Amino acid sequence: MKYEFKTGINEKEFNDFVVNFPSTSFMQTPAWSKVKPAWEHDFVGLYSKNKLVCSAMILKRSLFFGKKLFYIPRGFVIDYSDEELLSCFIKHLKQYAKKNNAIDIKIDPFICFSEENIQTIKKKKEIKVRKVFSNDVDLIDSALRKQGFKHGGYKKEVNAYIQPRYTMAISLKDENEKPYDKETLRKTFPKNTRNYIGNYQEQRGVEFSFSTNQNDVKDLVSVLHCTEQRQHINLRSEKYFKKLMENFPNNAVLFFARVDIDKYVKFLKKDMKENENKKEFCQKQLKEAHDIKKEFGNKPLAGATFVMMPTCKTGIKTASFLYAGTNTNIFPSLKITNGLMYYRLCYCLDKNLDYCDLGGVDGSLEDHLSTFKSKFNPNVLELVGEYDLIISKFWFKMFNLAMQTIRFIRSKR
């Protein structure tokens, strides 16, 4: 079949193709390129009889001596089983890269070597799960290697690659593809998780809400700042989140957890009156409530998260839980983060989604992110990782050497 390779594809045409291609990532949409101003970008693809049949949103990073790195996040948007199409597309991509002085084309498609429930891995329980991400993985891996892509290795560290190689995801459907109802989903959680969500938090004045208003980003950032200080890390700025919401107006959603202190105080007084054995704890909580109200007001913000709803209209629809923050000064005993997670999952259930991607974890499953996310009975996805189509072996080697030197210097600070 005869194909025509085009660059600079019209943004609307490109977006229409991507969102209507099954199971595509928001990272392949034109909107994502606008969130990455430090990178140049281009929209390329192959046409057959004037119809776009595969595509890639390429991010371009300027390096040294006019050289560039090409990165196609979660790409390509293509039928990997079509060997002729894949071969033709990669041949044209390589030619295009050479013309643009690129030394490498890096990709990290969302395909999995394995997907297992956390209990199967840690507790050796045989838990049946939907397995959709790992379908055809050997075929895709073989096809990419055949076209000259080199695999980037199997490191487990969460920051070893541009995108984490291990992630956790919660299926919103059972192994028979039947959607959960909210109570059934809750019952999939371990007992010490589900006991702290639902009616437990409602009685105590914990309130959850969502927003698509970019003016509410300031509240998200205020809670993220608490997490930054606690964990000695740097997260994204208010400007970054506003840019995300501007460019993904139908997909970016903020979630919040607050506590109505007056309602909680009323509950504590009633609980203390009815249960003598809880008197000491309730008195301690009442004092804490007084201090928190004095500092933060009657409905302090305890937690906030940023979620990207899927941009694709067909196939596997996955929500990405990208950023989360918690103010641990606000009633940590109420386990508010448990309730906020459940509220987000229920929101996604209402939107008829398939999965909620909780984000990257360390492959050892011993880091603090894994510990928290494991409370919700997720599946652990081991992704294939990165592939490189090396255009210039010499400059690619020089680039990797420079990056190793930079990492070494940073490690000594």
Protein backbone atom coordinates (compact mmCIF):
# COMPACT_ATOMS: atom_id res chain seq x y z
CA MET A 1 0.00 0.00 0.00
CA LYS A 2 1.22 3.51 -0.79
CA TYR A 3 1.60 5.92 2.12
CA GLU A 4 2.41 9.62 2.25
CA PHE A 5 4.33 11.06 5.21
CA LYS A 6 3.37 14.56 6.33
CA THR A 7 4.69 16.94 8.98
CA GLY A 8 3.02 20.01 10.44
CA ILE A 9 -0.41 18.37 10.36
CA ASN A 10 -3.32 20.67 11.15
CA GLU A 11 -3.92 20.65 14.91
CA LYS A 12 -7.65 19.92 14.69
CA GLU A 13 -7.20 17.10 12.20
CA PHE A 14 -4.45 15.61 14.32
CA ASN A 15 -6.47 15.84 17.54
CA ASP A 16 -9.56 14.31 15.92
CA PHE A 17 -7.50 11.34 14.84
CA VAL A 18 -5.82 10.82 18.22
CA VAL A 19 -8.93 11.06 20.40
CA ASN A 20 -10.84 8.68 18.14
CA PHE A 21 -8.04 6.11 18.08
CA PRO A 22 -8.65 3.44 20.76
CA SER A 23 -7.00 3.83 24.19
CA THR A 24 -4.70 6.75 23.34
CA SER A 25 -2.94 8.84 25.99
CA PHE A 26 -3.55 12.54 26.61
CA MET A 27 0.22 12.88 26.14
CA GLN A 28 -0.26 12.43 22.39
CA THR A 29 -2.76 15.28 22.03
CA PRO A 30 -1.85 18.75 20.73
CA ALA A 31 -2.98 20.15 24.09
CA TRP A 32 -0.11 18.33 25.83
CA SER A 33 2.45 20.01 23.57
CA LYS A 34 1.21 23.39 24.81
CA VAL A 35 1.91 22.38 28.40
CA LYS A 36 5.56 21.73 27.45
CA PRO A 37 6.84 25.14 26.28
CA ALA A 38 10.48 24.15 26.86
CA TRP A 39 10.13 21.67 24.00
CA GLU A 40 9.46 22.35 20.33
CA HIS A 41 6.88 20.06 18.79
CA ASP A 42 5.49 18.76 15.53
CA PHE A 43 2.50 16.67 14.50
CA VAL A 44 3.42 14.03 11.94
CA GLY A 45 1.72 11.04 10.38
CA LEU A 46 1.13 8.75 7.44
CA TYR A 47 -1.74 9.16 5.01
CA SER A 48 -3.39 6.57 2.83
CA LYS A 49 -5.71 7.93 0.13
CA ASN A 50 -5.68 11.31 1.90
CA LYS A 51 -6.77 9.75 5.19
CA LEU A 52 -4.57 9.90 8.30
CA VAL A 53 -3.84 6.31 9.41
CA CYS A 54 -1.13 6.74 12.09
CA SER A 55 0.50 9.64 13.89
CA ALA A 56 2.97 10.91 16.47
CA MET A 57 3.20 14.11 18.47
CA ILE A 58 6.95 14.70 18.66
CA LEU A 59 8.51 16.78 21.40
CA LYS A 60 11.93 18.17 20.41
CA ARG A 61 14.59 19.16 22.92
CA SER A 62 17.59 21.22 21.80
CA LEU A 63 20.84 19.76 23.12
CA PHE A 64 24.32 20.94 22.06
CA PHE A 65 25.98 21.91 18.77
CA GLY A 66 22.55 22.17 17.15
CA LYS A 67 21.66 18.57 18.01
CA LYS A 68 18.18 17.56 19.17
CA LEU A 69 16.43 14.80 21.06
CA PHE A 70 13.06 13.58 19.76
CA TYR A 71 10.66 12.26 22.37
CA ILE A 72 7.26 10.74 21.55
CA PRO A 73 5.48 10.34 24.91
CA ARG A 74 3.26 7.26 25.09
CA GLY A 75 3.42 7.04 21.30
CA PHE A 76 2.99 6.02 18.54
CA VAL A 77 -0.70 6.27 17.68
CA ILE A 78 -0.64 3.27 15.41
CA ASP A 79 -1.74 -0.33 14.91
CA TYR A 80 1.49 -2.08 15.92
CA SER A 81 0.28 -5.33 14.36
CA ASP A 82 0.35 -3.77 10.89
CA GLU A 83 3.97 -4.52 10.03
CA GLU A 84 3.95 -2.67 6.71
CA LEU A 85 2.45 0.46 8.25
CA LEU A 86 4.85 0.43 11.21
CA SER A 87 7.90 -0.14 9.01
CA CYS A 88 6.94 2.68 6.65
CA PHE A 89 6.20 5.11 9.47
CA ILE A 90 9.48 4.45 11.28
CA LYS A 91 11.45 4.75 8.02
CA HIS A 92 9.98 8.22 7.44
CA LEU A 93 10.45 9.21 11.09
CA LYS A 94 14.12 8.31 10.86
CA GLN A 95 14.57 10.38 7.70
CA TYR A 96 12.74 13.29 9.33
CA ALA A 97 14.94 13.02 12.42
CA LYS A 98 18.12 13.13 10.34
CA LYS A 99 16.93 16.26 8.53
CA ASN A 100 16.27 17.92 11.88
CA ASN A 101 19.67 17.00 13.36
CA ALA A 102 18.13 14.66 15.95
CA ILE A 103 20.44 12.10 17.56
CA ASP A 104 17.70 9.83 18.91
CA ILE A 105 13.96 9.09 18.80
CA LYS A 106 12.78 8.03 22.26
CA ILE A 107 9.39 6.43 22.91
CA ASP A 108 7.68 4.88 25.96
CA PRO A 109 4.45 3.22 24.81
CA PHE A 110 1.91 2.26 27.48
CA ILE A 111 2.23 -1.49 27.12
CA CYS A 112 2.88 -3.94 29.95
CA PHE A 113 4.99 -7.00 30.55
CA SER A 114 2.72 -7.95 33.43
CA GLU A 115 -0.28 -6.83 35.45
CA GLU A 116 -1.00 -8.49 38.80
CA ASN A 117 -3.04 -7.58 41.85
CA ILE A 118 -0.98 -6.26 44.77
CA GLN A 119 -2.27 -9.06 47.01
CA THR A 120 -1.08 -11.68 44.54
CA ILE A 121 2.40 -10.15 44.64
CA LYS A 122 2.73 -9.39 48.35
CA LYS A 123 0.45 -11.87 50.08
CA LYS A 124 0.64 -14.67 47.52
CA LYS A 125 -3.13 -14.69 47.12
CA GLU A 126 -4.54 -15.73 43.78
CA ILE A 127 -6.59 -12.67 42.81
CA LYS A 128 -8.12 -12.68 39.32
CA VAL A 129 -7.81 -9.38 37.49
CA ARG A 130 -8.74 -7.95 34.11
CA LYS A 131 -5.69 -8.17 31.90
CA VAL A 132 -5.99 -5.76 29.00
CA PHE A 133 -2.77 -3.75 29.07
CA SER A 134 -0.49 -6.76 28.60
CA ASN A 135 -2.27 -8.05 25.49
CA ASP A 136 0.07 -8.42 22.49
CA VAL A 137 3.07 -7.13 24.43
CA ASP A 138 5.45 -9.69 22.86
CA LEU A 139 4.20 -8.80 19.38
CA ILE A 140 4.72 -5.06 19.94
CA ASP A 141 8.12 -5.50 21.58
CA SER A 142 9.29 -7.74 18.76
CA ALA A 143 7.98 -5.34 16.10
CA LEU A 144 9.83 -2.36 17.61
CA ARG A 145 13.10 -4.25 17.99
CA LYS A 146 12.82 -5.50 14.41
CA GLN A 147 12.59 -1.87 13.24
CA GLY A 148 15.83 -0.97 15.03
CA PHE A 149 14.62 0.28 18.42
CA LYS A 150 16.87 -0.54 21.38
CA HIS A 151 15.24 -1.29 24.70
CA GLY A 152 16.33 1.00 27.55
CA GLY A 153 16.62 -1.62 30.29
CA TYR A 154 14.62 -2.83 33.26
CA LYS A 155 15.43 -0.47 36.11
CA LYS A 156 12.89 -0.37 38.93
CA GLU A 157 13.54 3.08 40.40
CA VAL A 158 10.59 5.43 39.96
CA ASN A 159 12.77 8.18 38.46
CA ALA A 160 15.00 5.96 36.31
CA TYR A 161 13.21 6.95 33.11
CA ILE A 162 11.15 9.90 31.85
CA GLN A 163 7.97 8.01 32.80
CA PRO A 164 7.95 5.48 35.70
CA ARG A 165 8.24 1.87 34.56
CA TYR A 166 6.01 0.62 37.38
CA THR A 167 2.61 2.06 38.09
CA MET A 168 -0.49 1.07 40.06
CA ALA A 169 -3.98 1.14 38.61
CA ILE A 170 -7.42 0.35 39.97
CA SER A 171 -9.81 -1.45 37.67
CA LEU A 172 -13.38 -0.14 37.76
CA LYS A 173 -14.62 -3.40 36.24
CA ASP A 174 -14.36 -6.99 37.39
CA GLU A 175 -12.57 -9.76 35.51
CA ASN A 176 -15.74 -10.33 33.46
CA GLU A 177 -15.80 -6.70 32.23
CA LYS A 178 -18.79 -5.85 34.42
CA PRO A 179 -18.60 -2.33 35.93
CA TYR A 180 -18.49 -2.19 39.73
CA ASP A 181 -21.15 -0.35 41.64
CA LYS A 182 -19.73 1.96 44.30
CA GLU A 183 -20.35 -0.33 47.25
CA THR A 184 -18.83 -3.33 45.47
CA LEU A 185 -15.77 -1.24 44.66
CA ARG A 186 -15.50 -0.21 48.32
CA LYS A 187 -15.64 -3.84 49.39
CA THR A 188 -12.61 -4.66 47.24
CA PHE A 189 -10.48 -2.56 49.61
CA PRO A 190 -8.89 -4.09 52.72
CA LYS A 191 -11.02 -3.77 55.87
CA ASN A 192 -8.74 -1.20 57.53
CA THR A 193 -9.18 1.03 54.44
CA ARG A 194 -12.91 0.72 53.79
CA ASN A 195 -13.77 1.29 57.46
CA TYR A 196 -12.53 4.88 57.17
CA ILE A 197 -14.53 5.91 54.11
CA GLY A 198 -18.17 6.60 53.41
CA ASN A 199 -20.43 7.04 56.43
CA TYR A 200 -17.50 7.16 58.86
CA GLN A 201 -16.19 10.43 57.42
CA GLU A 202 -19.59 11.90 56.57
CA GLN A 203 -20.61 11.69 60.25
CA ARG A 204 -17.46 13.53 61.24
CA GLY A 205 -17.94 16.46 58.87
CA VAL A 206 -15.53 15.47 56.11
CA GLU A 207 -16.72 16.91 52.79
CA PHE A 208 -15.52 16.19 49.27
CA SER A 209 -15.95 18.23 46.10
CA PHE A 210 -14.60 18.58 42.58
CA SER A 211 -13.95 21.59 40.38
CA THR A 212 -13.06 22.37 36.77
CA ASN A 213 -12.51 26.06 37.54
CA GLN A 214 -8.89 27.09 37.05
CA ASN A 215 -9.28 29.73 39.77
CA ASP A 216 -9.39 26.87 42.28
CA VAL A 217 -5.84 25.87 41.36
CA LYS A 218 -4.59 28.13 44.16
CA ASP A 219 -6.21 25.78 46.70
CA LEU A 220 -4.51 22.76 45.13
CA VAL A 221 -1.15 24.51 45.23
CA SER A 222 -1.58 25.51 48.89
CA VAL A 223 -1.94 21.85 49.86
CA LEU A 224 0.85 20.70 47.55
CA HIS A 225 3.07 23.20 49.35
CA CYS A 226 2.41 21.32 52.60
CA THR A 227 3.55 18.11 50.91
CA GLU A 228 6.64 19.83 49.49
CA GLN A 229 7.69 21.02 52.92
CA ARG A 230 7.02 17.64 54.54
CA GLN A 231 8.84 15.54 51.93
CA HIS A 232 11.51 18.11 50.93
CA ILE A 233 10.54 17.99 47.25
CA ASN A 234 9.52 20.51 44.58
CA LEU A 235 6.25 20.01 42.75
CA ARG A 236 4.59 22.10 40.04
CA SER A 237 3.69 25.79 40.19
CA GLU A 238 0.26 27.42 40.08
CA LYS A 239 1.07 28.63 36.57
CA TYR A 240 1.66 25.04 35.40
CA PHE A 241 -1.67 23.77 36.71
CA LYS A 242 -3.53 26.71 35.20
CA LYS A 243 -1.91 25.93 31.87
CA LEU A 244 -3.08 22.32 32.17
CA MET A 245 -6.64 23.40 32.91
CA GLU A 246 -6.64 25.96 30.09
CA ASN A 247 -5.53 23.36 27.56
CA PHE A 248 -7.61 20.46 28.89
CA PRO A 249 -10.88 22.22 29.83
CA ASN A 250 -12.93 19.03 29.40
CA ASN A 251 -10.46 16.67 31.07
CA ALA A 252 -8.64 18.37 33.95
CA VAL A 253 -10.45 18.02 37.29
CA LEU A 254 -9.52 19.20 40.78
CA PHE A 255 -10.68 17.27 43.85
CA PHE A 256 -10.81 18.64 47.39
CA ALA A 257 -11.39 17.39 50.93
CA ARG A 258 -12.46 19.75 53.71
CA VAL A 259 -13.65 19.30 57.29
CA ASP A 260 -16.68 21.09 58.71
CA ILE A 261 -15.26 21.61 62.18
CA ASP A 262 -18.57 22.64 63.75
CA LYS A 263 -20.13 19.38 62.57
CA TYR A 264 -17.14 17.38 63.82
CA VAL A 265 -17.30 19.08 67.22
CA LYS A 266 -20.99 18.21 67.48
CA PHE A 267 -20.19 14.58 66.64
CA LEU A 268 -17.37 14.44 69.21
CA LYS A 269 -19.55 15.78 72.01
CA LYS A 270 -22.28 13.27 71.21
CA ASP A 271 -19.78 10.41 70.92
CA MET A 272 -18.16 11.32 74.20
CA LYS A 273 -21.54 11.43 75.95
CA GLU A 274 -22.58 8.03 74.62
CA ASN A 275 -19.24 6.25 74.99
CA GLU A 276 -17.35 6.79 78.25
CA ASN A 277 -14.33 4.86 76.97
CA LYS A 278 -13.84 7.44 74.19
CA LYS A 279 -13.82 10.44 76.49
CA GLU A 280 -10.05 10.98 76.53
CA PHE A 281 -9.72 10.72 72.73
CA CYS A 282 -12.71 13.01 72.13
CA GLN A 283 -11.38 15.65 74.50
CA LYS A 284 -8.05 15.60 72.67
CA GLN A 285 -9.84 15.95 69.32
CA LEU A 286 -11.97 18.81 70.64
CA LYS A 287 -8.86 20.75 71.62
CA GLU A 288 -7.33 19.99 68.22
CA ALA A 289 -10.53 21.18 66.54
CA HIS A 290 -10.42 24.46 68.46
CA ASP A 291 -6.79 25.08 67.45
CA ILE A 292 -7.37 24.19 63.80
CA LYS A 293 -10.45 26.39 63.52
CA LYS A 294 -8.53 29.27 65.03
CA GLU A 295 -5.71 28.90 62.49
CA PHE A 296 -7.53 27.76 59.32
CA GLY A 297 -11.22 28.66 59.78
CA ASN A 298 -14.27 26.42 60.06
CA LYS A 299 -13.78 24.43 56.82
CA PRO A 300 -10.04 23.93 56.38
CA LEU A 301 -8.70 22.29 53.25
CA ALA A 302 -7.20 18.93 54.23
CA GLY A 303 -6.37 17.41 50.85
CA ALA A 304 -6.41 18.13 47.12
CA THR A 305 -5.63 16.24 43.94
CA PHE A 306 -5.32 16.83 40.21
CA VAL A 307 -6.80 14.23 37.85
CA MET A 308 -6.62 14.04 34.07
CA MET A 309 -9.68 12.36 32.64
CA PRO A 310 -9.12 10.36 29.44
CA THR A 311 -9.06 12.22 26.15
CA CYS A 312 -9.78 9.15 24.01
CA LYS A 313 -13.38 8.41 23.05
CA THR A 314 -12.98 4.69 22.39
CA GLY A 315 -11.06 1.73 23.78
CA ILE A 316 -9.73 1.55 27.33
CA LYS A 317 -10.56 4.78 29.13
CA THR A 318 -8.16 5.56 31.96
CA ALA A 319 -8.10 8.50 34.37
CA SER A 320 -4.62 9.58 35.45
CA PHE A 321 -4.20 10.69 39.07
CA LEU A 322 -1.28 13.05 38.54
CA TYR A 323 -0.72 15.15 41.67
CA ALA A 324 -1.91 14.97 45.27
CA GLY A 325 -1.24 16.92 48.44
CA THR A 326 -2.28 16.62 52.09
CA ASN A 327 -2.22 19.03 55.01
CA THR A 328 -1.35 16.60 57.79
CA ASN A 329 -2.11 19.27 60.39
CA ILE A 330 -5.82 18.74 59.68
CA PHE A 331 -7.09 15.77 61.72
CA PRO A 332 -4.75 12.99 60.52
CA SER A 333 -6.74 10.49 62.63
CA LEU A 334 -9.70 10.85 60.23
CA LYS A 335 -7.76 9.21 57.35
CA ILE A 336 -9.10 11.87 54.99
CA THR A 337 -6.88 10.78 52.10
CA ASN A 338 -8.70 7.41 52.07
CA GLY A 339 -12.02 9.15 51.57
CA LEU A 340 -10.66 11.51 48.92
CA MET A 341 -9.32 8.56 46.93
CA TYR A 342 -12.68 6.79 47.11
CA TYR A 343 -14.51 9.98 46.07
CA ARG A 344 -12.30 10.26 42.98
CA LEU A 345 -12.87 6.62 42.10
CA CYS A 346 -16.64 7.07 42.41
CA TYR A 347 -16.45 10.14 40.16
CA CYS A 348 -14.68 7.99 37.55
CA LEU A 349 -17.27 5.24 37.96
CA ASP A 350 -19.98 7.79 37.18
CA LYS A 351 -18.08 8.67 34.00
CA ASN A 352 -18.06 5.00 32.91
CA LEU A 353 -14.26 4.71 32.88
CA ASP A 354 -12.29 1.47 32.86
CA TYR A 355 -9.27 2.26 35.01
CA CYS A 356 -7.79 4.83 37.36
CA ASP A 357 -4.01 5.07 37.06
CA LEU A 358 -2.67 6.01 40.51
CA GLY A 359 0.73 6.90 39.09
CA GLY A 360 4.28 5.63 39.32
CA VAL A 361 5.83 3.64 42.14
CA ASP A 362 9.20 2.07 42.82
CA GLY A 363 9.46 -1.44 41.38
CA SER A 364 10.46 -2.80 44.78
CA LEU A 365 6.95 -1.84 46.00
CA GLU A 366 8.53 -0.75 49.28
CA ASP A 367 8.44 3.04 48.83
CA HIS A 368 5.94 5.27 50.66
CA LEU A 369 3.86 5.75 47.49
CA SER A 370 3.43 2.00 47.10
CA THR A 371 2.48 1.66 50.76
CA PHE A 372 -0.30 4.24 50.46
CA LYS A 373 -1.64 3.11 47.08
CA SER A 374 -1.63 -0.54 48.17
CA LYS A 375 -4.44 0.28 50.59
CA PHE A 376 -6.85 0.39 47.64
CA ASN A 377 -6.18 -3.07 46.26
CA PRO A 378 -4.63 -1.91 42.96
CA ASN A 379 -3.08 -3.85 40.13
CA VAL A 380 0.65 -3.40 39.63
CA LEU A 381 1.58 -2.72 36.01
CA GLU A 382 5.13 -3.36 34.88
CA LEU A 383 5.52 -1.32 31.71
CA VAL A 384 8.00 -2.09 28.96
CA GLY A 385 9.79 1.20 29.55
CA GLU A 386 11.73 3.19 26.97
CA TYR A 387 12.96 2.42 23.48
CA ASP A 388 15.53 4.40 21.52
CA LEU A 389 15.91 4.59 17.76
CA ILE A 390 19.46 5.90 17.65
CA ILE A 391 20.13 8.22 14.72
CA SER A 392 23.75 9.10 15.58
CA LYS A 393 25.64 6.56 17.73
CA PHE A 394 28.46 8.99 18.51
CA TRP A 395 26.30 11.90 19.65
CA PHE A 396 23.91 9.60 21.48
CA LYS A 397 26.87 8.23 23.44
CA MET A 398 28.08 11.77 24.19
CA PHE A 399 24.60 12.75 25.36
CA ASN A 400 24.34 9.79 27.75
CA LEU A 401 27.80 10.51 29.12
CA ALA A 402 26.82 14.13 29.79
CA MET A 403 23.63 13.04 31.55
CA GLN A 404 25.53 10.58 33.75
CA THR A 405 27.94 13.34 34.73
CA ILE A 406 25.08 15.69 35.61
CA ARG A 407 23.39 13.01 37.75
CA PHE A 408 26.66 12.29 39.55
CA ILE A 409 27.23 15.97 40.35
CA ARG A 410 23.66 16.34 41.64
CA SER A 411 24.03 13.23 43.83
CA LYS A 412 27.02 14.84 45.59
CA ARG A 413 25.21 18.04 46.53
